[in-house]
Amino acid sequence: MLKVENLTHIYPDGTVALRDVSFEVPDGEFLGIIGLSGSGKSTLLRCINRLLDPTEGKVIWNGVDLTELDQADLRKSRREIGMIFQHFNLVRRSSVMTNVLSGRLGYTAPSWSLINRFSRKDREKAVAVLERMGISNKAYNRADELSGGQQQRVGIARALMQDPKMILADEPVASLDPVLAHSILGALETLNKEDKITVLCSLHFLDLVQRYATRVVGLRDGRLVYSGSKEDVGKLSDQRFKDIYGEEAQRLDTD
């Protein structure tokens, strides 16, 4: 269970990115996070795993308040939380295998991690994860030789190397075409259903949210303005739609 309680984040320049945000995510849920660019979606995900430190509030993961942990204990807790980024966040000049193995750094002695030394078991696990993602034939290609969809599969594979109980996906399909978007979200859906991994995924498009999410929260100007099921999203009134996306927002005709 993830509990976000009264979370606020203010950047050094005074920008208030999150304002008193609270919600809960039961184990095994696929939570879609919607809102315009700048609504606070990325900041929220980064505060959950403490890539950013909240200004106020708590992030409680399986009974542990992550905001109170020192770096040593945070390193251990982060083993259970995979992160997938919009722009992949790969070491582009390194091989796919090296990028995927970096997902084991939380389990590796610091002295070994400095020289990228991994056990045979870790390397066998990386091969298996790449096979699952359908890109084992790219294991020794440089990451920047891959297509966008393939690079995002490397990002998912890296997250899987952590044996995560939760995956945070920050706009994972924003730079991909619609076909690849469904491919990547389908892979996350499989991990959610088959591996029982909790997924928090920020998305722009409501059709993707309705297809893949089990529940939805909406942010606007850093505030939580919506919480409901994916079925509820399809029934949003025009006013509730504007509450999330702004007065000038218009629905696309999907009939």
C-alpha atoms as a PDB file:
ATOM      1  CA  MET A   1       0.000   0.000   0.000  1.00  0.00           C
ATOM      2  CA  LEU A   2       1.192   3.472  -0.939  1.00  0.00           C
ATOM      3  CA  LYS A   3      -0.115   6.451   1.009  1.00  0.00           C
ATOM      4  CA  VAL A   4       0.623  10.013  -0.058  1.00  0.00           C
ATOM      5  CA  GLU A   5      -0.316  12.400   2.729  1.00  0.00           C
ATOM      6  CA  ASN A   6      -0.513  16.187   2.390  1.00  0.00           C
ATOM      7  CA  LEU A   7       2.388  16.275  -0.057  1.00  0.00           C
ATOM      8  CA  THR A   8       3.724  19.696  -1.010  1.00  0.00           C
ATOM      9  CA  HIS A   9       6.801  20.517  -3.064  1.00  0.00           C
ATOM     10  CA  ILE A  10       8.159  24.011  -3.602  1.00  0.00           C
ATOM     11  CA  TYR A  11      11.124  24.473  -5.945  1.00  0.00           C
ATOM     12  CA  PRO A  12      14.012  26.784  -4.951  1.00  0.00           C
ATOM     13  CA  ASP A  13      12.691  29.517  -7.272  1.00  0.00           C
ATOM     14  CA  GLY A  14       9.420  29.568  -5.320  1.00  0.00           C
ATOM     15  CA  THR A  15       7.331  27.548  -7.777  1.00  0.00           C
ATOM     16  CA  VAL A  16       4.740  25.507  -5.903  1.00  0.00           C
ATOM     17  CA  ALA A  17       4.594  22.276  -7.913  1.00  0.00           C
ATOM     18  CA  LEU A  18       2.466  20.241  -5.480  1.00  0.00           C
ATOM     19  CA  ARG A  19      -0.073  21.574  -2.993  1.00  0.00           C
ATOM     20  CA  ASP A  20      -1.307  19.361  -0.157  1.00  0.00           C
ATOM     21  CA  VAL A  21      -1.831  16.233  -2.302  1.00  0.00           C
ATOM     22  CA  SER A  22      -3.244  13.107  -0.612  1.00  0.00           C
ATOM     23  CA  PHE A  23      -4.341   9.729  -2.000  1.00  0.00           C
ATOM     24  CA  GLU A  24      -3.833   5.993  -1.507  1.00  0.00           C
ATOM     25  CA  VAL A  25      -2.816   3.267  -3.957  1.00  0.00           C
ATOM     26  CA  PRO A  26      -3.667  -0.335  -2.973  1.00  0.00           C
ATOM     27  CA  ASP A  27      -1.231  -3.078  -3.930  1.00  0.00           C
ATOM     28  CA  GLY A  28      -1.686  -4.296  -7.498  1.00  0.00           C
ATOM     29  CA  GLU A  29      -3.401  -1.188  -8.821  1.00  0.00           C
ATOM     30  CA  PHE A  30      -2.609   0.495 -12.163  1.00  0.00           C
ATOM     31  CA  LEU A  31      -3.059   4.163 -11.311  1.00  0.00           C
ATOM     32  CA  GLY A  32      -3.260   6.655 -14.151  1.00  0.00           C
ATOM     33  CA  ILE A  33      -2.205  10.216 -13.310  1.00  0.00           C
ATOM     34  CA  ILE A  34      -3.668  12.831 -15.650  1.00  0.00           C
ATOM     35  CA  GLY A  35      -3.258  16.564 -16.085  1.00  0.00           C
ATOM     36  CA  LEU A  36      -1.692  19.172 -18.309  1.00  0.00           C
ATOM     37  CA  SER A  37       2.050  19.690 -18.628  1.00  0.00           C
ATOM     38  CA  GLY A  38       3.112  21.582 -15.523  1.00  0.00           C
ATOM     39  CA  SER A  39       0.292  20.201 -13.396  1.00  0.00           C
ATOM     40  CA  GLY A  40       2.726  18.425 -11.063  1.00  0.00           C
ATOM     41  CA  LYS A  41       2.639  14.859 -12.387  1.00  0.00           C
ATOM     42  CA  SER A  42       6.410  14.429 -12.777  1.00  0.00           C
ATOM     43  CA  THR A  43       7.120  16.182  -9.485  1.00  0.00           C
ATOM     44  CA  LEU A  44       4.688  13.849  -7.733  1.00  0.00           C
ATOM     45  CA  LEU A  45       6.388  10.701  -9.035  1.00  0.00           C
ATOM     46  CA  ARG A  46       9.836  12.050  -8.212  1.00  0.00           C
ATOM     47  CA  CYS A  47       8.749  12.914  -4.672  1.00  0.00           C
ATOM     48  CA  ILE A  48       7.358   9.417  -4.150  1.00  0.00           C
ATOM     49  CA  ASN A  49      10.788   7.823  -4.645  1.00  0.00           C
ATOM     50  CA  ARG A  50      12.621  10.887  -3.319  1.00  0.00           C
ATOM     51  CA  LEU A  51      14.436  11.911  -6.423  1.00  0.00           C
ATOM     52  CA  LEU A  52      12.998  15.144  -5.061  1.00  0.00           C
ATOM     53  CA  ASP A  53      12.530  15.738  -1.351  1.00  0.00           C
ATOM     54  CA  PRO A  54       9.020  16.926  -0.461  1.00  0.00           C
ATOM     55  CA  THR A  55       8.761  20.298   1.217  1.00  0.00           C
ATOM     56  CA  GLU A  56       5.950  18.988   3.419  1.00  0.00           C
ATOM     57  CA  GLY A  57       3.951  15.797   3.788  1.00  0.00           C
ATOM     58  CA  LYS A  58       4.604  12.077   3.881  1.00  0.00           C
ATOM     59  CA  VAL A  59       5.073   9.207   1.430  1.00  0.00           C
ATOM     60  CA  ILE A  60       4.324   5.945   3.231  1.00  0.00           C
ATOM     61  CA  TRP A  61       5.234   2.750   1.364  1.00  0.00           C
ATOM     62  CA  ASN A  62       4.241  -0.504   3.046  1.00  0.00           C
ATOM     63  CA  GLY A  63       4.168   1.204   6.428  1.00  0.00           C
ATOM     64  CA  VAL A  64       7.512   3.007   6.038  1.00  0.00           C
ATOM     65  CA  ASP A  65       7.649   6.808   5.688  1.00  0.00           C
ATOM     66  CA  LEU A  66      10.149   7.275   2.865  1.00  0.00           C
ATOM     67  CA  THR A  67      10.504  10.982   3.651  1.00  0.00           C
ATOM     68  CA  GLU A  68      12.125  10.125   7.003  1.00  0.00           C
ATOM     69  CA  LEU A  69      14.743   7.662   5.727  1.00  0.00           C
ATOM     70  CA  ASP A  70      18.452   8.384   5.629  1.00  0.00           C
ATOM     71  CA  GLN A  71      20.338   7.617   2.427  1.00  0.00           C
ATOM     72  CA  ALA A  72      21.334   4.081   3.453  1.00  0.00           C
ATOM     73  CA  ASP A  73      17.779   3.035   4.305  1.00  0.00           C
ATOM     74  CA  LEU A  74      16.372   4.897   1.294  1.00  0.00           C
ATOM     75  CA  ARG A  75      18.718   2.920  -0.970  1.00  0.00           C
ATOM     76  CA  LYS A  76      17.227  -0.299   0.384  1.00  0.00           C
ATOM     77  CA  SER A  77      13.626   0.877  -0.004  1.00  0.00           C
ATOM     78  CA  ARG A  78      14.252   2.068  -3.567  1.00  0.00           C
ATOM     79  CA  ARG A  79      15.069  -1.516  -4.546  1.00  0.00           C
ATOM     80  CA  GLU A  80      11.327  -2.140  -4.536  1.00  0.00           C
ATOM     81  CA  ILE A  81      10.465   0.945  -6.617  1.00  0.00           C
ATOM     82  CA  GLY A  82      11.332   0.959 -10.317  1.00  0.00           C
ATOM     83  CA  MET A  83      11.352   4.206 -12.323  1.00  0.00           C
ATOM     84  CA  ILE A  84      10.659   4.617 -16.048  1.00  0.00           C
ATOM     85  CA  PHE A  85      11.316   7.984 -17.686  1.00  0.00           C
ATOM     86  CA  GLN A  86       9.798   9.825 -20.637  1.00  0.00           C
ATOM     87  CA  HIS A  87      13.170  10.254 -22.352  1.00  0.00           C
ATOM     88  CA  PHE A  88      14.397   6.788 -21.293  1.00  0.00           C
ATOM     89  CA  ASN A  89      17.295   8.075 -19.137  1.00  0.00           C
ATOM     90  CA  LEU A  90      19.716   5.540 -20.584  1.00  0.00           C
ATOM     91  CA  VAL A  91      23.492   5.828 -20.862  1.00  0.00           C
ATOM     92  CA  ARG A  92      23.328   6.211 -24.603  1.00  0.00           C
ATOM     93  CA  ARG A  93      26.918   5.215 -25.400  1.00  0.00           C
ATOM     94  CA  SER A  94      26.775   2.097 -23.239  1.00  0.00           C
ATOM     95  CA  SER A  95      25.393  -1.250 -24.314  1.00  0.00           C
ATOM     96  CA  VAL A  96      21.841  -2.344 -23.652  1.00  0.00           C
ATOM     97  CA  MET A  97      23.203  -5.020 -21.301  1.00  0.00           C
ATOM     98  CA  THR A  98      25.135  -2.459 -19.250  1.00  0.00           C
ATOM     99  CA  ASN A  99      22.060  -0.241 -18.978  1.00  0.00           C
ATOM    100  CA  VAL A 100      19.892  -3.144 -17.850  1.00  0.00           C
ATOM    101  CA  LEU A 101      22.445  -4.378 -15.304  1.00  0.00           C
ATOM    102  CA  SER A 102      22.450  -0.913 -13.722  1.00  0.00           C
ATOM    103  CA  GLY A 103      19.076  -1.877 -12.293  1.00  0.00           C
ATOM    104  CA  ARG A 104      20.955  -4.150  -9.862  1.00  0.00           C
ATOM    105  CA  LEU A 105      23.085  -1.351  -8.401  1.00  0.00           C
ATOM    106  CA  GLY A 106      20.870  -1.196  -5.311  1.00  0.00           C
ATOM    107  CA  TYR A 107      21.817  -4.808  -4.561  1.00  0.00           C
ATOM    108  CA  THR A 108      25.522  -4.511  -5.416  1.00  0.00           C
ATOM    109  CA  ALA A 109      28.354  -3.544  -3.087  1.00  0.00           C
ATOM    110  CA  PRO A 110      29.302   0.095  -3.754  1.00  0.00           C
ATOM    111  CA  SER A 111      32.905  -0.844  -4.579  1.00  0.00           C
ATOM    112  CA  TRP A 112      31.696  -3.337  -7.220  1.00  0.00           C
ATOM    113  CA  SER A 113      29.182  -0.918  -8.702  1.00  0.00           C
ATOM    114  CA  LEU A 114      31.948   1.601  -9.401  1.00  0.00           C
ATOM    115  CA  ILE A 115      33.543  -0.826 -11.848  1.00  0.00           C
ATOM    116  CA  ASN A 116      30.260  -2.273 -13.166  1.00  0.00           C
ATOM    117  CA  ARG A 117      31.079  -5.680 -11.727  1.00  0.00           C
ATOM    118  CA  PHE A 118      28.021  -7.913 -11.577  1.00  0.00           C
ATOM    119  CA  SER A 119      27.554 -11.551 -10.656  1.00  0.00           C
ATOM    120  CA  ARG A 120      26.851 -14.338 -13.127  1.00  0.00           C
ATOM    121  CA  LYS A 121      23.378 -14.616 -11.624  1.00  0.00           C
ATOM    122  CA  ASP A 122      22.708 -10.945 -12.337  1.00  0.00           C
ATOM    123  CA  ARG A 123      23.888 -11.340 -15.934  1.00  0.00           C
ATOM    124  CA  GLU A 124      21.662 -14.368 -16.445  1.00  0.00           C
ATOM    125  CA  LYS A 125      18.756 -12.416 -14.993  1.00  0.00           C
ATOM    126  CA  ALA A 126      19.439  -9.546 -17.407  1.00  0.00           C
ATOM    127  CA  VAL A 127      19.335 -11.934 -20.372  1.00  0.00           C
ATOM    128  CA  ALA A 128      16.012 -13.342 -19.168  1.00  0.00           C
ATOM    129  CA  VAL A 129      14.517  -9.879 -18.677  1.00  0.00           C
ATOM    130  CA  LEU A 130      15.623  -8.768 -22.148  1.00  0.00           C
ATOM    131  CA  GLU A 131      14.050 -11.894 -23.608  1.00  0.00           C
ATOM    132  CA  ARG A 132      10.831 -11.064 -21.834  1.00  0.00           C
ATOM    133  CA  MET A 133      10.907  -7.572 -23.330  1.00  0.00           C
ATOM    134  CA  GLY A 134      11.558  -9.028 -26.776  1.00  0.00           C
ATOM    135  CA  ILE A 135      14.914  -7.337 -27.318  1.00  0.00           C
ATOM    136  CA  SER A 136      17.478  -9.969 -26.302  1.00  0.00           C
ATOM    137  CA  ASN A 137      19.019  -9.679 -29.777  1.00  0.00           C
ATOM    138  CA  LYS A 138      19.939  -6.069 -28.937  1.00  0.00           C
ATOM    139  CA  ALA A 139      21.822  -6.890 -25.734  1.00  0.00           C
ATOM    140  CA  TYR A 140      25.211  -5.721 -27.017  1.00  0.00           C
ATOM    141  CA  ASN A 141      24.043  -2.839 -29.187  1.00  0.00           C
ATOM    142  CA  ARG A 142      24.694   0.651 -27.959  1.00  0.00           C
ATOM    143  CA  ALA A 143      21.546   2.113 -26.452  1.00  0.00           C
ATOM    144  CA  ASP A 144      21.513   5.011 -28.917  1.00  0.00           C
ATOM    145  CA  GLU A 145      21.333   2.564 -31.833  1.00  0.00           C
ATOM    146  CA  LEU A 146      17.829   1.494 -30.788  1.00  0.00           C
ATOM    147  CA  SER A 147      14.476   2.958 -31.757  1.00  0.00           C
ATOM    148  CA  GLY A 148      12.465   4.921 -29.205  1.00  0.00           C
ATOM    149  CA  GLY A 149      10.189   2.002 -28.464  1.00  0.00           C
ATOM    150  CA  GLN A 150      13.157  -0.338 -28.011  1.00  0.00           C
ATOM    151  CA  GLN A 151      14.888   2.152 -25.704  1.00  0.00           C
ATOM    152  CA  GLN A 152      11.793   2.345 -23.528  1.00  0.00           C
ATOM    153  CA  ARG A 153      11.745  -1.466 -23.336  1.00  0.00           C
ATOM    154  CA  VAL A 154      15.329  -1.239 -22.086  1.00  0.00           C
ATOM    155  CA  GLY A 155      14.062   1.191 -19.456  1.00  0.00           C
ATOM    156  CA  ILE A 156      11.399  -1.298 -18.373  1.00  0.00           C
ATOM    157  CA  ALA A 157      13.953  -4.124 -18.330  1.00  0.00           C
ATOM    158  CA  ARG A 158      16.244  -2.047 -16.124  1.00  0.00           C
ATOM    159  CA  ALA A 159      13.365  -1.460 -13.706  1.00  0.00           C
ATOM    160  CA  LEU A 160      12.551  -5.180 -13.653  1.00  0.00           C
ATOM    161  CA  MET A 161      16.113  -5.971 -12.593  1.00  0.00           C
ATOM    162  CA  GLN A 162      15.231  -4.430  -9.229  1.00  0.00           C
ATOM    163  CA  ASP A 163      12.495  -7.037  -8.605  1.00  0.00           C
ATOM    164  CA  PRO A 164      10.170  -4.098  -7.988  1.00  0.00           C
ATOM    165  CA  LYS A 165       6.890  -4.189  -6.141  1.00  0.00           C
ATOM    166  CA  MET A 166       5.971  -0.807  -7.634  1.00  0.00           C
ATOM    167  CA  ILE A 167       6.852   0.945 -10.890  1.00  0.00           C
ATOM    168  CA  LEU A 168       6.618   4.710 -11.382  1.00  0.00           C
ATOM    169  CA  ALA A 169       6.281   5.579 -15.076  1.00  0.00           C
ATOM    170  CA  ASP A 170       6.715   9.272 -15.887  1.00  0.00           C
ATOM    171  CA  GLU A 171       5.040   9.956 -19.265  1.00  0.00           C
ATOM    172  CA  PRO A 172       6.562   6.737 -20.658  1.00  0.00           C
ATOM    173  CA  VAL A 173       4.897   7.042 -24.083  1.00  0.00           C
ATOM    174  CA  ALA A 174       4.907  10.802 -24.618  1.00  0.00           C
ATOM    175  CA  SER A 175       7.670  10.616 -27.238  1.00  0.00           C
ATOM    176  CA  LEU A 176       6.302   7.520 -29.009  1.00  0.00           C
ATOM    177  CA  ASP A 177       3.794   7.099 -31.831  1.00  0.00           C
ATOM    178  CA  PRO A 178       0.359   5.571 -31.022  1.00  0.00           C
ATOM    179  CA  VAL A 179       1.289   2.010 -32.029  1.00  0.00           C
ATOM    180  CA  LEU A 180       4.415   1.999 -29.877  1.00  0.00           C
ATOM    181  CA  ALA A 181       2.510   3.695 -27.056  1.00  0.00           C
ATOM    182  CA  HIS A 182       0.104   0.762 -26.874  1.00  0.00           C
ATOM    183  CA  SER A 183       3.028  -1.664 -27.054  1.00  0.00           C
ATOM    184  CA  ILE A 184       4.778  -0.080 -24.059  1.00  0.00           C
ATOM    185  CA  LEU A 185       1.609   0.341 -21.998  1.00  0.00           C
ATOM    186  CA  GLY A 186       0.655  -3.226 -22.848  1.00  0.00           C
ATOM    187  CA  ALA A 187       3.985  -4.377 -21.426  1.00  0.00           C
ATOM    188  CA  LEU A 188       3.312  -2.430 -18.216  1.00  0.00           C
ATOM    189  CA  GLU A 189      -0.202  -3.856 -18.066  1.00  0.00           C
ATOM    190  CA  THR A 190       1.222  -7.380 -18.300  1.00  0.00           C
ATOM    191  CA  LEU A 191       3.609  -6.695 -15.412  1.00  0.00           C
ATOM    192  CA  ASN A 192       0.722  -5.273 -13.407  1.00  0.00           C
ATOM    193  CA  LYS A 193      -1.576  -8.248 -14.011  1.00  0.00           C
ATOM    194  CA  GLU A 194       0.855 -11.165 -14.151  1.00  0.00           C
ATOM    195  CA  ASP A 195       3.527 -10.021 -11.705  1.00  0.00           C
ATOM    196  CA  LYS A 196       1.134  -8.067  -9.458  1.00  0.00           C
ATOM    197  CA  ILE A 197       3.390  -5.001  -9.671  1.00  0.00           C
ATOM    198  CA  THR A 198       1.685  -1.781  -8.642  1.00  0.00           C
ATOM    199  CA  VAL A 199       1.991   0.799 -11.440  1.00  0.00           C
ATOM    200  CA  LEU A 200       1.688   4.571 -11.229  1.00  0.00           C
ATOM    201  CA  CYS A 201       1.740   6.018 -14.738  1.00  0.00           C
ATOM    202  CA  SER A 202       1.344   9.648 -15.773  1.00  0.00           C
ATOM    203  CA  LEU A 203      -0.398  10.094 -19.124  1.00  0.00           C
ATOM    204  CA  HIS A 204      -1.824  12.908 -21.248  1.00  0.00           C
ATOM    205  CA  PHE A 205      -4.468  11.077 -23.252  1.00  0.00           C
ATOM    206  CA  LEU A 206      -7.723   9.911 -21.714  1.00  0.00           C
ATOM    207  CA  ASP A 207      -8.171   7.090 -24.236  1.00  0.00           C
ATOM    208  CA  LEU A 208      -4.946   5.500 -22.960  1.00  0.00           C
ATOM    209  CA  VAL A 209      -6.023   6.036 -19.364  1.00  0.00           C
ATOM    210  CA  GLN A 210      -9.365   4.349 -20.002  1.00  0.00           C
ATOM    211  CA  ARG A 211      -7.687   1.427 -21.743  1.00  0.00           C
ATOM    212  CA  TYR A 212      -4.966   0.632 -19.199  1.00  0.00           C
ATOM    213  CA  ALA A 213      -5.601   2.231 -15.789  1.00  0.00           C
ATOM    214  CA  THR A 214      -7.742   0.688 -13.076  1.00  0.00           C
ATOM    215  CA  ARG A 215      -8.100   4.009 -11.256  1.00  0.00           C
ATOM    216  CA  VAL A 216      -7.313   7.629 -12.069  1.00  0.00           C
ATOM    217  CA  VAL A 217      -6.245  10.767 -10.218  1.00  0.00           C
ATOM    218  CA  GLY A 218      -6.049  14.193 -11.825  1.00  0.00           C
ATOM    219  CA  LEU A 219      -3.774  17.117 -10.997  1.00  0.00           C
ATOM    220  CA  ARG A 220      -4.153  20.768 -11.905  1.00  0.00           C
ATOM    221  CA  ASP A 221      -1.737  23.470 -10.747  1.00  0.00           C
ATOM    222  CA  GLY A 222      -0.279  21.019  -8.244  1.00  0.00           C
ATOM    223  CA  ARG A 223      -3.598  20.208  -6.595  1.00  0.00           C
ATOM    224  CA  LEU A 224      -5.506  16.939  -6.659  1.00  0.00           C
ATOM    225  CA  VAL A 225      -8.729  17.791  -8.508  1.00  0.00           C
ATOM    226  CA  TYR A 226     -10.020  14.359  -9.491  1.00  0.00           C
ATOM    227  CA  SER A 227     -10.094  10.765  -8.254  1.00  0.00           C
ATOM    228  CA  GLY A 228     -12.163   7.976  -9.770  1.00  0.00           C
ATOM    229  CA  SER A 229     -12.292   4.741 -11.732  1.00  0.00           C
ATOM    230  CA  LYS A 230     -11.460   4.521 -15.430  1.00  0.00           C
ATOM    231  CA  GLU A 231     -15.193   4.100 -16.063  1.00  0.00           C
ATOM    232  CA  ASP A 232     -15.809   7.400 -14.277  1.00  0.00           C
ATOM    233  CA  VAL A 233     -13.335   9.106 -16.623  1.00  0.00           C
ATOM    234  CA  GLY A 234     -15.508   8.184 -19.595  1.00  0.00           C
ATOM    235  CA  LYS A 235     -18.469   9.844 -17.901  1.00  0.00           C
ATOM    236  CA  LEU A 236     -16.786  13.138 -17.022  1.00  0.00           C
ATOM    237  CA  SER A 237     -19.077  16.104 -17.464  1.00  0.00           C
ATOM    238  CA  ASP A 238     -17.747  18.981 -19.529  1.00  0.00           C
ATOM    239  CA  GLN A 239     -17.302  20.991 -16.342  1.00  0.00           C
ATOM    240  CA  ARG A 240     -15.340  18.239 -14.567  1.00  0.00           C
ATOM    241  CA  PHE A 241     -13.192  17.890 -17.703  1.00  0.00           C
ATOM    242  CA  LYS A 242     -12.455  21.621 -17.551  1.00  0.00           C
ATOM    243  CA  ASP A 243     -11.718  21.357 -13.820  1.00  0.00           C
ATOM    244  CA  ILE A 244      -8.813  19.091 -14.758  1.00  0.00           C
ATOM    245  CA  TYR A 245      -7.662  20.508 -18.067  1.00  0.00           C
ATOM    246  CA  GLY A 246      -8.690  24.175 -17.875  1.00  0.00           C
ATOM    247  CA  GLU A 247     -11.546  26.306 -19.130  1.00  0.00           C
ATOM    248  CA  GLU A 248     -10.189  26.445 -22.677  1.00  0.00           C
ATOM    249  CA  ALA A 249      -9.874  22.663 -23.002  1.00  0.00           C
ATOM    250  CA  GLN A 250     -12.136  20.886 -25.469  1.00  0.00           C
ATOM    251  CA  ARG A 251     -12.846  17.194 -25.876  1.00  0.00           C
ATOM    252  CA  LEU A 252     -12.019  15.517 -29.133  1.00  0.00           C
ATOM    253  CA  ASP A 253     -15.010  13.937 -30.856  1.00  0.00           C
ATOM    254  CA  THR A 254     -14.358  10.202 -30.593  1.00  0.00           C
ATOM    255  CA  ASP A 255     -17.665   9.042 -32.136  1.00  0.00           C
END
